[in-house]
Amino acid sequence: MPEEPSDSMRSMLERMTQSEVEICLVANGSEGLVGYVTACVHSRAHMAGSSGLVDALFVSPDFRRNHIGKGLVVAATRWLLARNVMSCRAESPADSELACLFWQGVGWENDLHVWSLYD
């Protein structure tokens, strides 16, 4: 992990501090940043209401399995629900058993498959 955030990361974090629909929450330990989660409120013109998306979740490998990721997701979910979203979603690799176990462990359901096409 770099000691200083990149310019693009600084730009994203600055934008999120001024946003009503995006957030970045961090977990700090005695050694500095150990994890973060980003989330946003997403609206679609063809659907009533809005949904929440947990966009990125990271916990440093040395700090995993200590409930840091769960705490970040719970905090992001509370933030999203406070904005009256109808549902919350997150994406993870289809072949990651650990990701499936994590999301089930925080009480989320596997109810959607995402299909992608890459150029």
Protein backbone atom coordinates (compact mmCIF):
# COMPACT_ATOMS: atom_id res chain seq x y z
CA MET A 1 0.00 0.00 0.00
CA PRO A 2 1.52 3.37 -0.93
CA GLU A 3 2.37 5.82 1.84
CA GLU A 4 0.49 8.65 0.09
CA PRO A 5 -2.76 8.39 -1.91
CA SER A 6 -2.45 8.78 -5.67
CA ASP A 7 -3.82 11.90 -7.35
CA SER A 8 -6.80 9.94 -8.66
CA MET A 9 -7.55 8.58 -5.16
CA ARG A 10 -7.28 12.10 -3.70
CA SER A 11 -9.67 13.36 -6.36
CA MET A 12 -12.19 10.59 -5.65
CA LEU A 13 -12.03 11.15 -1.89
CA GLU A 14 -12.43 14.92 -2.31
CA ARG A 15 -15.50 14.36 -4.50
CA MET A 16 -16.98 11.99 -1.94
CA THR A 17 -16.58 14.48 0.91
CA GLN A 18 -18.80 16.88 -1.01
CA SER A 19 -21.37 14.35 -2.17
CA GLU A 20 -24.82 13.54 -0.84
CA VAL A 21 -24.86 10.20 -2.69
CA GLU A 22 -21.31 8.82 -2.25
CA ILE A 23 -19.23 7.98 0.80
CA CYS A 24 -15.86 6.51 1.69
CA LEU A 25 -15.45 5.10 5.20
CA VAL A 26 -12.05 4.07 6.53
CA ALA A 27 -10.77 1.84 9.30
CA ASN A 28 -7.59 2.98 10.99
CA GLY A 29 -5.34 0.98 13.25
CA SER A 30 -2.20 1.85 15.17
CA GLU A 31 -0.29 1.40 11.89
CA GLY A 32 -2.57 3.71 9.87
CA LEU A 33 -5.18 2.80 7.28
CA VAL A 34 -6.19 -0.88 7.48
CA GLY A 35 -9.36 -0.87 5.38
CA TYR A 36 -11.98 1.13 3.54
CA VAL A 37 -15.38 0.84 1.93
CA THR A 38 -17.02 3.05 -0.68
CA ALA A 39 -20.75 3.19 -1.29
CA CYS A 40 -23.18 5.19 -3.39
CA VAL A 41 -26.88 5.76 -3.93
CA HIS A 42 -27.93 4.77 -7.44
CA SER A 43 -31.14 5.88 -9.14
CA ARG A 44 -32.57 4.59 -12.40
CA ALA A 45 -35.04 6.50 -14.53
CA HIS A 46 -37.11 3.38 -15.30
CA MET A 47 -37.45 2.27 -11.66
CA ALA A 48 -39.08 3.88 -8.67
CA GLY A 49 -36.82 4.61 -5.72
CA SER A 50 -33.10 4.15 -5.50
CA SER A 51 -30.72 1.38 -4.58
CA GLY A 52 -27.48 1.37 -2.64
CA LEU A 53 -24.24 -0.04 -3.94
CA VAL A 54 -21.27 -1.06 -1.83
CA ASP A 55 -18.78 -0.31 -4.54
CA ALA A 56 -15.40 -1.21 -3.06
CA LEU A 57 -14.35 -3.01 0.09
CA PHE A 58 -10.75 -3.57 1.11
CA VAL A 59 -9.11 -4.78 4.31
CA SER A 60 -5.35 -5.17 4.48
CA PRO A 61 -4.48 -8.91 4.52
CA ASP A 62 -2.81 -8.66 7.94
CA PHE A 63 -6.08 -7.38 9.45
CA ARG A 64 -8.59 -9.71 7.80
CA ARG A 65 -10.77 -12.07 9.86
CA ASN A 66 -11.01 -9.46 12.66
CA HIS A 67 -14.50 -8.15 11.80
CA ILE A 68 -13.11 -4.96 10.21
CA GLY A 69 -14.75 -5.69 6.85
CA LYS A 70 -18.04 -6.50 8.55
CA GLY A 71 -17.89 -3.25 10.53
CA LEU A 72 -17.23 -1.25 7.37
CA VAL A 73 -20.11 -2.93 5.52
CA VAL A 74 -22.51 -2.42 8.44
CA ALA A 75 -21.58 1.29 8.61
CA ALA A 76 -21.94 1.72 4.83
CA THR A 77 -25.28 -0.11 4.87
CA ARG A 78 -26.59 2.13 7.66
CA TRP A 79 -25.50 5.19 5.67
CA LEU A 80 -27.29 3.91 2.56
CA LEU A 81 -30.48 2.99 4.44
CA ALA A 82 -30.53 6.47 6.02
CA ARG A 83 -30.87 7.73 2.44
CA ASN A 84 -34.01 5.64 1.94
CA VAL A 85 -32.65 3.17 -0.59
CA MET A 86 -34.97 0.27 -1.40
CA SER A 87 -32.17 -2.31 -1.52
CA CYS A 88 -28.40 -2.59 -1.16
CA ARG A 89 -26.12 -4.48 -3.52
CA ALA A 90 -22.47 -5.49 -3.76
CA GLU A 91 -20.55 -7.38 -6.42
CA SER A 92 -17.86 -9.98 -5.92
CA PRO A 93 -16.03 -12.44 -8.15
CA ALA A 94 -18.29 -15.32 -9.16
CA ASP A 95 -15.67 -17.92 -8.25
CA SER A 96 -14.70 -16.52 -4.84
CA GLU A 97 -15.95 -18.84 -2.12
CA LEU A 98 -14.48 -16.53 0.54
CA ALA A 99 -16.42 -13.56 -0.84
CA CYS A 100 -19.66 -15.58 -0.80
CA LEU A 101 -19.02 -16.65 2.80
CA PHE A 102 -18.22 -13.07 3.80
CA TRP A 103 -21.39 -11.54 2.31
CA GLN A 104 -23.56 -14.34 3.73
CA GLY A 105 -21.87 -13.79 7.10
CA VAL A 106 -22.90 -10.13 7.14
CA GLY A 107 -26.49 -11.14 6.34
CA TRP A 108 -26.68 -10.46 2.61
CA GLU A 109 -28.34 -12.81 0.12
CA ASN A 110 -26.93 -14.06 -3.17
CA ASP A 111 -29.87 -13.16 -5.39
CA LEU A 112 -28.39 -11.67 -8.57
CA HIS A 113 -25.92 -12.77 -11.21
CA VAL A 114 -24.00 -10.10 -13.10
CA TRP A 115 -22.99 -10.91 -16.65
CA SER A 116 -20.15 -8.98 -18.28
CA LEU A 117 -18.72 -8.57 -21.76
CA TYR A 118 -15.16 -7.33 -22.15
CA ASP A 119 -13.61 -5.90 -25.29
